[in-house]
Amino acid sequence: MSDVIELAASDGSTARIALHGAEPVSWRAGGREYLWSGDPAHWNRHAPWLFPVVGASAEGRIRAGGRDYPMAQHGFARDLPFAVAARSADAATLRLTDSDETHAHYPFAFRLDITARIRPAGLDFAVEVENPGPDALPYAVGFHPAFPWPFAGGARAAGGGYAVAFEAAEAPRVPEVGAGGLLLREERGVPLDGRVLPLDPALFTEALVFRNARSRHLRFTGPGGAAIRMAVEDFPHLAVWTKPTAPFLSLECWTGHADWAGFTGEIAERDSQRLLAPGERARHAVRLDLEGLG
């Protein structure tokens, strides 16, 4: 079996989903690629899934039942192989379950299903988290796709006509990010004029994190009004990120976020971490649309 699943829509649009991390690695429409290439000179990922935590954990570990476990930034799902649970010409469901390997970092039973579906000018994802164990399951999940900036490739610059447009007006301030990626209680202002954030590479010393955002969709817009739109279901936190010299923009959606600096509690006490009762399932969804593109 190939380590990448190919999906195709009726209009010729395609997506490629890697079994490694269930990560989308390509999304093509109209002969153009709309996911970041993964060029390791800038960032060697495309659109990773984040689980069972989002962001950094204090001291690089979590605590459960009074015991410490090592935890990498954004968790481990993005670095593990998923199994194919179902597939068709335009869709696939990939599954990750707990194992001895995950128990060394996260002592909980879980099942994580990610379903990708390609359609004309769009790519959809459904995420289902299930708790098959006897104890409450503390988890966070996030999606971290990156898109070419500019859409057609090439150099980017301030004043180039690119922006992020939120569904609703958001507060023009975001948490500062401290050592090791931990969030600080201090905030900094961003040039968000109600709903629209003009893009300037100099903005991005760290991710711009909009905690408890009002918006349920946001649009990465280019000159002339073309856009990549991301709509989310049950992802309360949104983020916008790139590196100052990298030709991509990442729109992120999270159920949780990095630890606050100084946090010393159990993972179940982590800010924004969800608690899933034994036998329960939770569902989250993301819808990507091309507007005036492809």
C-alpha atoms as a PDB file:
ATOM      1  CA  MET A   1       0.000   0.000   0.000  1.00  0.00           C
ATOM      2  CA  SER A   2       1.261   3.478  -0.856  1.00  0.00           C
ATOM      3  CA  ASP A   3       2.077   5.762   2.039  1.00  0.00           C
ATOM      4  CA  VAL A   4      -0.029   8.480   0.353  1.00  0.00           C
ATOM      5  CA  ILE A   5      -3.729   8.277  -0.557  1.00  0.00           C
ATOM      6  CA  GLU A   6      -4.861  10.039  -3.729  1.00  0.00           C
ATOM      7  CA  LEU A   7      -8.329  11.615  -3.785  1.00  0.00           C
ATOM      8  CA  ALA A   8     -10.063  13.107  -6.834  1.00  0.00           C
ATOM      9  CA  ALA A   9     -13.186  15.260  -7.327  1.00  0.00           C
ATOM     10  CA  SER A  10     -15.510  15.357 -10.325  1.00  0.00           C
ATOM     11  CA  ASP A  11     -13.934  18.576 -11.651  1.00  0.00           C
ATOM     12  CA  GLY A  12     -10.406  17.151 -11.636  1.00  0.00           C
ATOM     13  CA  SER A  13      -9.374  18.679  -8.295  1.00  0.00           C
ATOM     14  CA  THR A  14      -7.104  16.354  -6.314  1.00  0.00           C
ATOM     15  CA  ALA A  15      -5.770  15.912  -2.803  1.00  0.00           C
ATOM     16  CA  ARG A  16      -3.001  13.719  -1.456  1.00  0.00           C
ATOM     17  CA  ILE A  17      -3.158  12.589   2.177  1.00  0.00           C
ATOM     18  CA  ALA A  18      -0.096  11.001   3.788  1.00  0.00           C
ATOM     19  CA  LEU A  19      -0.607   8.099   6.168  1.00  0.00           C
ATOM     20  CA  HIS A  20       2.176   9.679   8.241  1.00  0.00           C
ATOM     21  CA  GLY A  21       0.214  11.960  10.542  1.00  0.00           C
ATOM     22  CA  ALA A  22      -2.886  11.826   8.280  1.00  0.00           C
ATOM     23  CA  GLU A  23      -1.381  15.025   6.867  1.00  0.00           C
ATOM     24  CA  PRO A  24      -2.664  16.581   3.638  1.00  0.00           C
ATOM     25  CA  VAL A  25       0.417  17.116   1.467  1.00  0.00           C
ATOM     26  CA  SER A  26      -1.220  18.396  -1.729  1.00  0.00           C
ATOM     27  CA  TRP A  27      -4.425  20.140  -2.808  1.00  0.00           C
ATOM     28  CA  ARG A  28      -4.602  20.963  -6.513  1.00  0.00           C
ATOM     29  CA  ALA A  29      -7.348  22.697  -8.469  1.00  0.00           C
ATOM     30  CA  GLY A  30      -7.245  24.169 -11.946  1.00  0.00           C
ATOM     31  CA  GLY A  31      -3.667  22.998 -12.347  1.00  0.00           C
ATOM     32  CA  ARG A  32      -2.402  24.968  -9.343  1.00  0.00           C
ATOM     33  CA  GLU A  33      -1.201  23.799  -5.925  1.00  0.00           C
ATOM     34  CA  TYR A  34      -2.870  25.407  -2.902  1.00  0.00           C
ATOM     35  CA  LEU A  35      -0.998  23.754  -0.030  1.00  0.00           C
ATOM     36  CA  TRP A  36       2.479  24.807   1.041  1.00  0.00           C
ATOM     37  CA  SER A  37       5.216  22.674  -0.538  1.00  0.00           C
ATOM     38  CA  GLY A  38       6.905  21.645   2.711  1.00  0.00           C
ATOM     39  CA  ASP A  39      10.232  23.139   1.595  1.00  0.00           C
ATOM     40  CA  PRO A  40      12.560  22.346   4.537  1.00  0.00           C
ATOM     41  CA  ALA A  41      14.423  25.607   3.948  1.00  0.00           C
ATOM     42  CA  HIS A  42      11.404  27.281   5.583  1.00  0.00           C
ATOM     43  CA  TRP A  43       9.097  24.650   7.164  1.00  0.00           C
ATOM     44  CA  ASN A  44       9.091  20.949   6.395  1.00  0.00           C
ATOM     45  CA  ARG A  45       5.381  20.364   6.967  1.00  0.00           C
ATOM     46  CA  HIS A  46       2.261  21.052   4.917  1.00  0.00           C
ATOM     47  CA  ALA A  47      -0.872  20.814   7.067  1.00  0.00           C
ATOM     48  CA  PRO A  48      -0.277  18.783  10.247  1.00  0.00           C
ATOM     49  CA  TRP A  49      -2.891  17.575  12.721  1.00  0.00           C
ATOM     50  CA  LEU A  50      -2.202  18.374  16.364  1.00  0.00           C
ATOM     51  CA  PHE A  51      -3.141  15.883  19.111  1.00  0.00           C
ATOM     52  CA  PRO A  52      -3.396  15.242  22.089  1.00  0.00           C
ATOM     53  CA  VAL A  53      -2.165  18.749  22.936  1.00  0.00           C
ATOM     54  CA  VAL A  54      -1.892  21.947  20.949  1.00  0.00           C
ATOM     55  CA  GLY A  55       1.207  24.080  21.400  1.00  0.00           C
ATOM     56  CA  ALA A  56       3.994  23.742  23.904  1.00  0.00           C
ATOM     57  CA  SER A  57       3.754  21.972  27.249  1.00  0.00           C
ATOM     58  CA  ALA A  58       5.504  23.461  30.282  1.00  0.00           C
ATOM     59  CA  GLU A  59       8.988  21.953  30.631  1.00  0.00           C
ATOM     60  CA  GLY A  60       8.232  19.709  27.642  1.00  0.00           C
ATOM     61  CA  ARG A  61       6.045  17.368  29.646  1.00  0.00           C
ATOM     62  CA  ILE A  62       2.516  16.717  30.840  1.00  0.00           C
ATOM     63  CA  ARG A  63       1.440  15.374  34.210  1.00  0.00           C
ATOM     64  CA  ALA A  64      -1.209  12.673  34.638  1.00  0.00           C
ATOM     65  CA  GLY A  65      -1.990  10.798  37.832  1.00  0.00           C
ATOM     66  CA  GLY A  66       0.887  12.544  39.583  1.00  0.00           C
ATOM     67  CA  ARG A  67       3.437  11.284  37.039  1.00  0.00           C
ATOM     68  CA  ASP A  68       5.315  13.242  34.357  1.00  0.00           C
ATOM     69  CA  TYR A  69       5.352  12.200  30.703  1.00  0.00           C
ATOM     70  CA  PRO A  70       7.433  13.794  27.914  1.00  0.00           C
ATOM     71  CA  MET A  71       5.305  15.670  25.378  1.00  0.00           C
ATOM     72  CA  ALA A  72       6.545  17.321  22.202  1.00  0.00           C
ATOM     73  CA  GLN A  73       5.067  20.583  20.956  1.00  0.00           C
ATOM     74  CA  HIS A  74       1.688  19.940  19.328  1.00  0.00           C
ATOM     75  CA  GLY A  75       1.663  16.328  20.540  1.00  0.00           C
ATOM     76  CA  PHE A  76       2.596  13.155  18.710  1.00  0.00           C
ATOM     77  CA  ALA A  77      -0.160  12.430  16.172  1.00  0.00           C
ATOM     78  CA  ARG A  78       1.574  14.371  13.391  1.00  0.00           C
ATOM     79  CA  ASP A  79       4.598  12.061  13.694  1.00  0.00           C
ATOM     80  CA  LEU A  80       2.855   8.670  13.787  1.00  0.00           C
ATOM     81  CA  PRO A  81       1.448   6.394  11.058  1.00  0.00           C
ATOM     82  CA  PHE A  82      -2.335   6.201  10.718  1.00  0.00           C
ATOM     83  CA  ALA A  83      -4.260   3.179   9.459  1.00  0.00           C
ATOM     84  CA  VAL A  84      -6.796   3.339   6.626  1.00  0.00           C
ATOM     85  CA  ALA A  85     -10.254   2.766   8.129  1.00  0.00           C
ATOM     86  CA  ALA A  86     -12.272   3.536   4.978  1.00  0.00           C
ATOM     87  CA  ARG A  87     -11.755   5.017   1.545  1.00  0.00           C
ATOM     88  CA  SER A  88     -13.439   5.853  -1.748  1.00  0.00           C
ATOM     89  CA  ALA A  89     -12.458   7.803  -4.858  1.00  0.00           C
ATOM     90  CA  ASP A  90     -13.030  11.164  -3.181  1.00  0.00           C
ATOM     91  CA  ALA A  91     -12.673  10.418   0.545  1.00  0.00           C
ATOM     92  CA  ALA A  92     -10.631   8.519   3.112  1.00  0.00           C
ATOM     93  CA  THR A  93     -10.810   7.971   6.863  1.00  0.00           C
ATOM     94  CA  LEU A  94      -7.496   7.505   8.644  1.00  0.00           C
ATOM     95  CA  ARG A  95      -7.264   6.222  12.217  1.00  0.00           C
ATOM     96  CA  LEU A  96      -4.811   6.451  15.099  1.00  0.00           C
ATOM     97  CA  THR A  97      -5.315   4.470  18.302  1.00  0.00           C
ATOM     98  CA  ASP A  98      -3.346   4.287  21.519  1.00  0.00           C
ATOM     99  CA  SER A  99      -0.396   1.923  21.761  1.00  0.00           C
ATOM    100  CA  ASP A 100       2.626   1.208  23.924  1.00  0.00           C
ATOM    101  CA  GLU A 101       4.369   4.012  22.025  1.00  0.00           C
ATOM    102  CA  THR A 102       1.688   6.603  22.842  1.00  0.00           C
ATOM    103  CA  HIS A 103       1.325   5.386  26.456  1.00  0.00           C
ATOM    104  CA  ALA A 104       4.933   6.438  27.063  1.00  0.00           C
ATOM    105  CA  HIS A 105       3.800  10.035  26.483  1.00  0.00           C
ATOM    106  CA  TYR A 106       0.078   9.985  27.209  1.00  0.00           C
ATOM    107  CA  PRO A 107      -1.356   7.252  29.474  1.00  0.00           C
ATOM    108  CA  PHE A 108      -4.858   7.200  27.999  1.00  0.00           C
ATOM    109  CA  ALA A 109      -6.869   5.043  25.622  1.00  0.00           C
ATOM    110  CA  PHE A 110      -8.147   6.928  22.568  1.00  0.00           C
ATOM    111  CA  ARG A 111      -9.240   6.644  18.966  1.00  0.00           C
ATOM    112  CA  LEU A 112      -8.635   9.524  16.559  1.00  0.00           C
ATOM    113  CA  ASP A 113     -10.346   9.385  13.149  1.00  0.00           C
ATOM    114  CA  ILE A 114      -9.656  11.985  10.457  1.00  0.00           C
ATOM    115  CA  THR A 115     -11.783  11.904   7.320  1.00  0.00           C
ATOM    116  CA  ALA A 116     -10.674  13.916   4.275  1.00  0.00           C
ATOM    117  CA  ARG A 117     -13.034  14.552   1.351  1.00  0.00           C
ATOM    118  CA  ILE A 118     -12.191  16.396  -1.870  1.00  0.00           C
ATOM    119  CA  ARG A 119     -14.888  18.246  -3.841  1.00  0.00           C
ATOM    120  CA  PRO A 120     -14.905  20.850  -6.609  1.00  0.00           C
ATOM    121  CA  ALA A 121     -13.033  23.914  -5.296  1.00  0.00           C
ATOM    122  CA  GLY A 122     -13.056  22.498  -1.772  1.00  0.00           C
ATOM    123  CA  LEU A 123     -11.490  20.127   0.736  1.00  0.00           C
ATOM    124  CA  ASP A 124     -13.300  19.001   3.898  1.00  0.00           C
ATOM    125  CA  PHE A 125     -12.149  17.299   7.088  1.00  0.00           C
ATOM    126  CA  ALA A 126     -14.132  15.606   9.843  1.00  0.00           C
ATOM    127  CA  VAL A 127     -12.338  14.762  13.087  1.00  0.00           C
ATOM    128  CA  GLU A 128     -13.726  12.314  15.618  1.00  0.00           C
ATOM    129  CA  VAL A 129     -12.157  11.643  19.009  1.00  0.00           C
ATOM    130  CA  GLU A 130     -13.428   8.645  20.979  1.00  0.00           C
ATOM    131  CA  ASN A 131     -12.670   7.602  24.542  1.00  0.00           C
ATOM    132  CA  PRO A 132     -12.738   3.778  24.778  1.00  0.00           C
ATOM    133  CA  GLY A 133     -11.058   3.781  28.193  1.00  0.00           C
ATOM    134  CA  PRO A 134     -12.368   3.727  31.778  1.00  0.00           C
ATOM    135  CA  ASP A 135     -11.193   7.241  32.686  1.00  0.00           C
ATOM    136  CA  ALA A 136     -11.922  10.742  31.411  1.00  0.00           C
ATOM    137  CA  LEU A 137      -9.826  11.582  28.353  1.00  0.00           C
ATOM    138  CA  PRO A 138      -8.172  15.042  28.419  1.00  0.00           C
ATOM    139  CA  TYR A 139      -7.392  16.088  24.861  1.00  0.00           C
ATOM    140  CA  ALA A 140      -6.930  18.955  22.462  1.00  0.00           C
ATOM    141  CA  VAL A 141      -6.947  18.806  18.674  1.00  0.00           C
ATOM    142  CA  GLY A 142      -5.867  21.316  16.082  1.00  0.00           C
ATOM    143  CA  PHE A 143      -5.300  21.772  12.353  1.00  0.00           C
ATOM    144  CA  HIS A 144      -2.279  23.671  11.012  1.00  0.00           C
ATOM    145  CA  PRO A 145      -2.542  24.036   7.202  1.00  0.00           C
ATOM    146  CA  ALA A 146      -0.258  26.397   5.306  1.00  0.00           C
ATOM    147  CA  PHE A 147      -0.940  27.996   1.924  1.00  0.00           C
ATOM    148  CA  PRO A 148       1.345  29.679  -0.618  1.00  0.00           C
ATOM    149  CA  TRP A 149       1.734  33.427  -0.114  1.00  0.00           C
ATOM    150  CA  PRO A 150       1.397  34.781  -2.810  1.00  0.00           C
ATOM    151  CA  PHE A 151      -1.082  32.238  -4.201  1.00  0.00           C
ATOM    152  CA  ALA A 152       0.890  31.947  -7.458  1.00  0.00           C
ATOM    153  CA  GLY A 153       4.264  31.690  -5.704  1.00  0.00           C
ATOM    154  CA  GLY A 154       7.154  34.114  -5.791  1.00  0.00           C
ATOM    155  CA  ALA A 155       8.207  36.830  -3.390  1.00  0.00           C
ATOM    156  CA  ARG A 156       5.901  38.431  -0.854  1.00  0.00           C
ATOM    157  CA  ALA A 157       5.991  41.891   0.623  1.00  0.00           C
ATOM    158  CA  ALA A 158       4.179  44.275   2.914  1.00  0.00           C
ATOM    159  CA  GLY A 159       1.459  46.148   1.105  1.00  0.00           C
ATOM    160  CA  GLY A 160       1.089  43.352  -1.439  1.00  0.00           C
ATOM    161  CA  GLY A 161      -2.672  43.276  -1.139  1.00  0.00           C
ATOM    162  CA  TYR A 162      -2.926  40.142   1.038  1.00  0.00           C
ATOM    163  CA  ALA A 163      -4.964  40.078   4.236  1.00  0.00           C
ATOM    164  CA  VAL A 164      -6.857  37.814   6.619  1.00  0.00           C
ATOM    165  CA  ALA A 165     -10.555  38.661   6.851  1.00  0.00           C
ATOM    166  CA  PHE A 166     -12.411  37.300   9.886  1.00  0.00           C
ATOM    167  CA  GLU A 167     -16.130  36.549   9.924  1.00  0.00           C
ATOM    168  CA  ALA A 168     -16.637  38.862  12.922  1.00  0.00           C
ATOM    169  CA  ALA A 169     -14.695  41.676  14.545  1.00  0.00           C
ATOM    170  CA  GLU A 170     -11.970  40.291  16.815  1.00  0.00           C
ATOM    171  CA  ALA A 171     -10.019  41.986  19.600  1.00  0.00           C
ATOM    172  CA  PRO A 172      -6.879  43.651  18.138  1.00  0.00           C
ATOM    173  CA  ARG A 173      -4.526  42.089  20.672  1.00  0.00           C
ATOM    174  CA  VAL A 174      -3.021  38.644  21.166  1.00  0.00           C
ATOM    175  CA  PRO A 175      -1.029  36.943  23.947  1.00  0.00           C
ATOM    176  CA  GLU A 176       2.716  37.355  23.922  1.00  0.00           C
ATOM    177  CA  VAL A 177       4.575  34.079  23.381  1.00  0.00           C
ATOM    178  CA  GLY A 178       7.436  33.384  25.761  1.00  0.00           C
ATOM    179  CA  ALA A 179      10.365  30.995  26.011  1.00  0.00           C
ATOM    180  CA  GLY A 180       9.666  27.536  24.664  1.00  0.00           C
ATOM    181  CA  GLY A 181       6.411  28.613  23.023  1.00  0.00           C
ATOM    182  CA  LEU A 182       4.486  29.085  26.284  1.00  0.00           C
ATOM    183  CA  LEU A 183       1.788  31.758  26.392  1.00  0.00           C
ATOM    184  CA  LEU A 184       2.270  34.837  28.564  1.00  0.00           C
ATOM    185  CA  ARG A 185      -0.462  36.828  30.277  1.00  0.00           C
ATOM    186  CA  GLU A 186       0.880  40.001  28.653  1.00  0.00           C
ATOM    187  CA  GLU A 187      -0.660  40.959  25.315  1.00  0.00           C
ATOM    188  CA  ARG A 188       0.506  42.867  22.257  1.00  0.00           C
ATOM    189  CA  GLY A 189      -1.515  44.837  19.771  1.00  0.00           C
ATOM    190  CA  VAL A 190      -1.972  43.812  16.148  1.00  0.00           C
ATOM    191  CA  PRO A 191      -3.161  46.041  13.271  1.00  0.00           C
ATOM    192  CA  LEU A 192      -6.568  44.379  13.063  1.00  0.00           C
ATOM    193  CA  ASP A 193      -9.157  46.851  11.831  1.00  0.00           C
ATOM    194  CA  GLY A 194     -12.330  45.172  13.068  1.00  0.00           C
ATOM    195  CA  ARG A 195     -12.452  42.152  10.791  1.00  0.00           C
ATOM    196  CA  VAL A 196      -9.454  42.672   8.476  1.00  0.00           C
ATOM    197  CA  LEU A 197      -5.782  42.049   9.248  1.00  0.00           C
ATOM    198  CA  PRO A 198      -3.500  43.402   6.485  1.00  0.00           C
ATOM    199  CA  LEU A 199      -0.598  40.996   6.108  1.00  0.00           C
ATOM    200  CA  ASP A 200       2.989  42.077   6.619  1.00  0.00           C
ATOM    201  CA  PRO A 201       5.791  39.510   7.129  1.00  0.00           C
ATOM    202  CA  ALA A 202       7.144  41.686   9.961  1.00  0.00           C
ATOM    203  CA  LEU A 203       4.047  40.896  12.064  1.00  0.00           C
ATOM    204  CA  PHE A 204       5.122  37.325  12.624  1.00  0.00           C
ATOM    205  CA  THR A 205       7.753  37.099  15.299  1.00  0.00           C
ATOM    206  CA  GLU A 206       5.383  34.476  16.778  1.00  0.00           C
ATOM    207  CA  ALA A 207       1.930  33.122  15.956  1.00  0.00           C
ATOM    208  CA  LEU A 208      -0.997  35.505  16.371  1.00  0.00           C
ATOM    209  CA  VAL A 209      -3.371  33.606  18.670  1.00  0.00           C
ATOM    210  CA  PHE A 210      -7.025  34.671  18.820  1.00  0.00           C
ATOM    211  CA  ARG A 211      -8.310  32.858  21.899  1.00  0.00           C
ATOM    212  CA  ASN A 212     -12.072  32.262  22.085  1.00  0.00           C
ATOM    213  CA  ALA A 213     -12.577  33.906  18.713  1.00  0.00           C
ATOM    214  CA  ARG A 214     -16.033  35.062  17.683  1.00  0.00           C
ATOM    215  CA  SER A 215     -15.438  34.061  14.062  1.00  0.00           C
ATOM    216  CA  ARG A 216     -16.300  30.610  12.752  1.00  0.00           C
ATOM    217  CA  HIS A 217     -14.612  31.276   9.434  1.00  0.00           C
ATOM    218  CA  LEU A 218     -11.759  33.347   8.112  1.00  0.00           C
ATOM    219  CA  ARG A 219     -10.450  34.103   4.631  1.00  0.00           C
ATOM    220  CA  PHE A 220      -6.893  34.456   3.367  1.00  0.00           C
ATOM    221  CA  THR A 221      -7.513  37.073   0.682  1.00  0.00           C
ATOM    222  CA  GLY A 222      -5.364  38.240  -2.188  1.00  0.00           C
ATOM    223  CA  PRO A 223      -5.418  41.124  -4.658  1.00  0.00           C
ATOM    224  CA  GLY A 224      -8.693  41.288  -6.575  1.00  0.00           C
ATOM    225  CA  GLY A 225     -10.688  39.446  -3.890  1.00  0.00           C
ATOM    226  CA  ALA A 226      -9.589  35.844  -4.546  1.00  0.00           C
ATOM    227  CA  ALA A 227      -9.385  33.893  -1.298  1.00  0.00           C
ATOM    228  CA  ILE A 228      -8.865  30.626   0.528  1.00  0.00           C
ATOM    229  CA  ARG A 229     -11.645  30.317   3.082  1.00  0.00           C
ATOM    230  CA  MET A 230     -11.453  28.151   6.204  1.00  0.00           C
ATOM    231  CA  ALA A 231     -14.659  27.431   8.126  1.00  0.00           C
ATOM    232  CA  VAL A 232     -14.505  25.537  11.418  1.00  0.00           C
ATOM    233  CA  GLU A 233     -16.845  23.596  13.678  1.00  0.00           C
ATOM    234  CA  ASP A 234     -16.079  23.361  17.415  1.00  0.00           C
ATOM    235  CA  PHE A 235     -12.630  24.946  17.218  1.00  0.00           C
ATOM    236  CA  PRO A 236     -12.866  27.986  19.517  1.00  0.00           C
ATOM    237  CA  HIS A 237      -9.324  29.302  19.015  1.00  0.00           C
ATOM    238  CA  LEU A 238      -7.879  30.606  15.747  1.00  0.00           C
ATOM    239  CA  ALA A 239      -4.290  31.483  14.877  1.00  0.00           C
ATOM    240  CA  VAL A 240      -2.382  33.030  12.000  1.00  0.00           C
ATOM    241  CA  TRP A 241       1.298  32.184  11.565  1.00  0.00           C
ATOM    242  CA  THR A 242       4.277  32.242   9.268  1.00  0.00           C
ATOM    243  CA  LYS A 243       8.006  32.800   9.490  1.00  0.00           C
ATOM    244  CA  PRO A 244       9.300  36.267   8.598  1.00  0.00           C
ATOM    245  CA  THR A 245      11.099  35.021   5.460  1.00  0.00           C
ATOM    246  CA  ALA A 246       8.863  32.103   4.436  1.00  0.00           C
ATOM    247  CA  PRO A 247       6.488  32.336   1.415  1.00  0.00           C
ATOM    248  CA  PHE A 248       3.467  30.764   3.098  1.00  0.00           C
ATOM    249  CA  LEU A 249       0.683  31.645   5.522  1.00  0.00           C
ATOM    250  CA  SER A 250      -0.831  29.223   8.001  1.00  0.00           C
ATOM    251  CA  LEU A 251      -4.436  29.529   9.186  1.00  0.00           C
ATOM    252  CA  GLU A 252      -4.878  27.414  12.301  1.00  0.00           C
ATOM    253  CA  CYS A 253      -7.846  26.230  14.348  1.00  0.00           C
ATOM    254  CA  TRP A 254      -7.507  24.727  17.807  1.00  0.00           C
ATOM    255  CA  THR A 255      -9.658  23.361  20.618  1.00  0.00           C
ATOM    256  CA  GLY A 256      -6.836  24.075  23.096  1.00  0.00           C
ATOM    257  CA  HIS A 257      -3.611  26.038  23.177  1.00  0.00           C
ATOM    258  CA  ALA A 258      -0.124  26.078  24.682  1.00  0.00           C
ATOM    259  CA  ASP A 259       0.379  26.061  28.428  1.00  0.00           C
ATOM    260  CA  TRP A 260       0.587  29.385  30.188  1.00  0.00           C
ATOM    261  CA  ALA A 261       4.097  30.070  31.473  1.00  0.00           C
ATOM    262  CA  GLY A 262       4.408  28.730  35.008  1.00  0.00           C
ATOM    263  CA  PHE A 263       1.701  26.061  34.695  1.00  0.00           C
ATOM    264  CA  THR A 264       2.436  23.031  36.894  1.00  0.00           C
ATOM    265  CA  GLY A 265      -0.889  21.167  37.011  1.00  0.00           C
ATOM    266  CA  GLU A 266      -2.202  17.939  35.539  1.00  0.00           C
ATOM    267  CA  ILE A 267      -3.127  17.730  31.867  1.00  0.00           C
ATOM    268  CA  ALA A 268      -6.816  17.588  32.823  1.00  0.00           C
ATOM    269  CA  GLU A 269      -6.368  21.040  34.419  1.00  0.00           C
ATOM    270  CA  ARG A 270      -4.690  22.579  31.378  1.00  0.00           C
ATOM    271  CA  ASP A 271      -6.490  25.651  30.064  1.00  0.00           C
ATOM    272  CA  SER A 272      -8.882  24.721  27.202  1.00  0.00           C
ATOM    273  CA  GLN A 273      -8.148  20.994  27.390  1.00  0.00           C
ATOM    274  CA  ARG A 274     -11.339  19.003  26.711  1.00  0.00           C
ATOM    275  CA  LEU A 275     -12.461  16.178  29.004  1.00  0.00           C
ATOM    276  CA  LEU A 276     -14.208  13.322  27.199  1.00  0.00           C
ATOM    277  CA  ALA A 277     -16.123  10.895  29.418  1.00  0.00           C
ATOM    278  CA  PRO A 278     -15.645   7.120  29.016  1.00  0.00           C
ATOM    279  CA  GLY A 279     -17.475   5.866  25.928  1.00  0.00           C
ATOM    280  CA  GLU A 280     -18.082   9.373  24.553  1.00  0.00           C
ATOM    281  CA  ARG A 281     -17.158  10.760  21.136  1.00  0.00           C
ATOM    282  CA  ALA A 282     -16.496  14.335  20.082  1.00  0.00           C
ATOM    283  CA  ARG A 283     -16.623  15.710  16.552  1.00  0.00           C
ATOM    284  CA  HIS A 284     -14.834  18.670  14.981  1.00  0.00           C
ATOM    285  CA  ALA A 285     -14.784  19.787  11.356  1.00  0.00           C
ATOM    286  CA  VAL A 286     -12.918  22.037   8.912  1.00  0.00           C
ATOM    287  CA  ARG A 287     -14.049  23.142   5.470  1.00  0.00           C
ATOM    288  CA  LEU A 288     -11.629  24.727   2.976  1.00  0.00           C
ATOM    289  CA  ASP A 289     -12.988  26.590  -0.049  1.00  0.00           C
ATOM    290  CA  LEU A 290     -11.327  28.321  -2.996  1.00  0.00           C
ATOM    291  CA  GLU A 291     -13.016  31.596  -3.917  1.00  0.00           C
ATOM    292  CA  GLY A 292     -12.058  33.025  -7.295  1.00  0.00           C
ATOM    293  CA  LEU A 293      -9.205  30.523  -7.549  1.00  0.00           C
ATOM    294  CA  GLY A 294      -8.719  27.153  -9.216  1.00  0.00           C
END
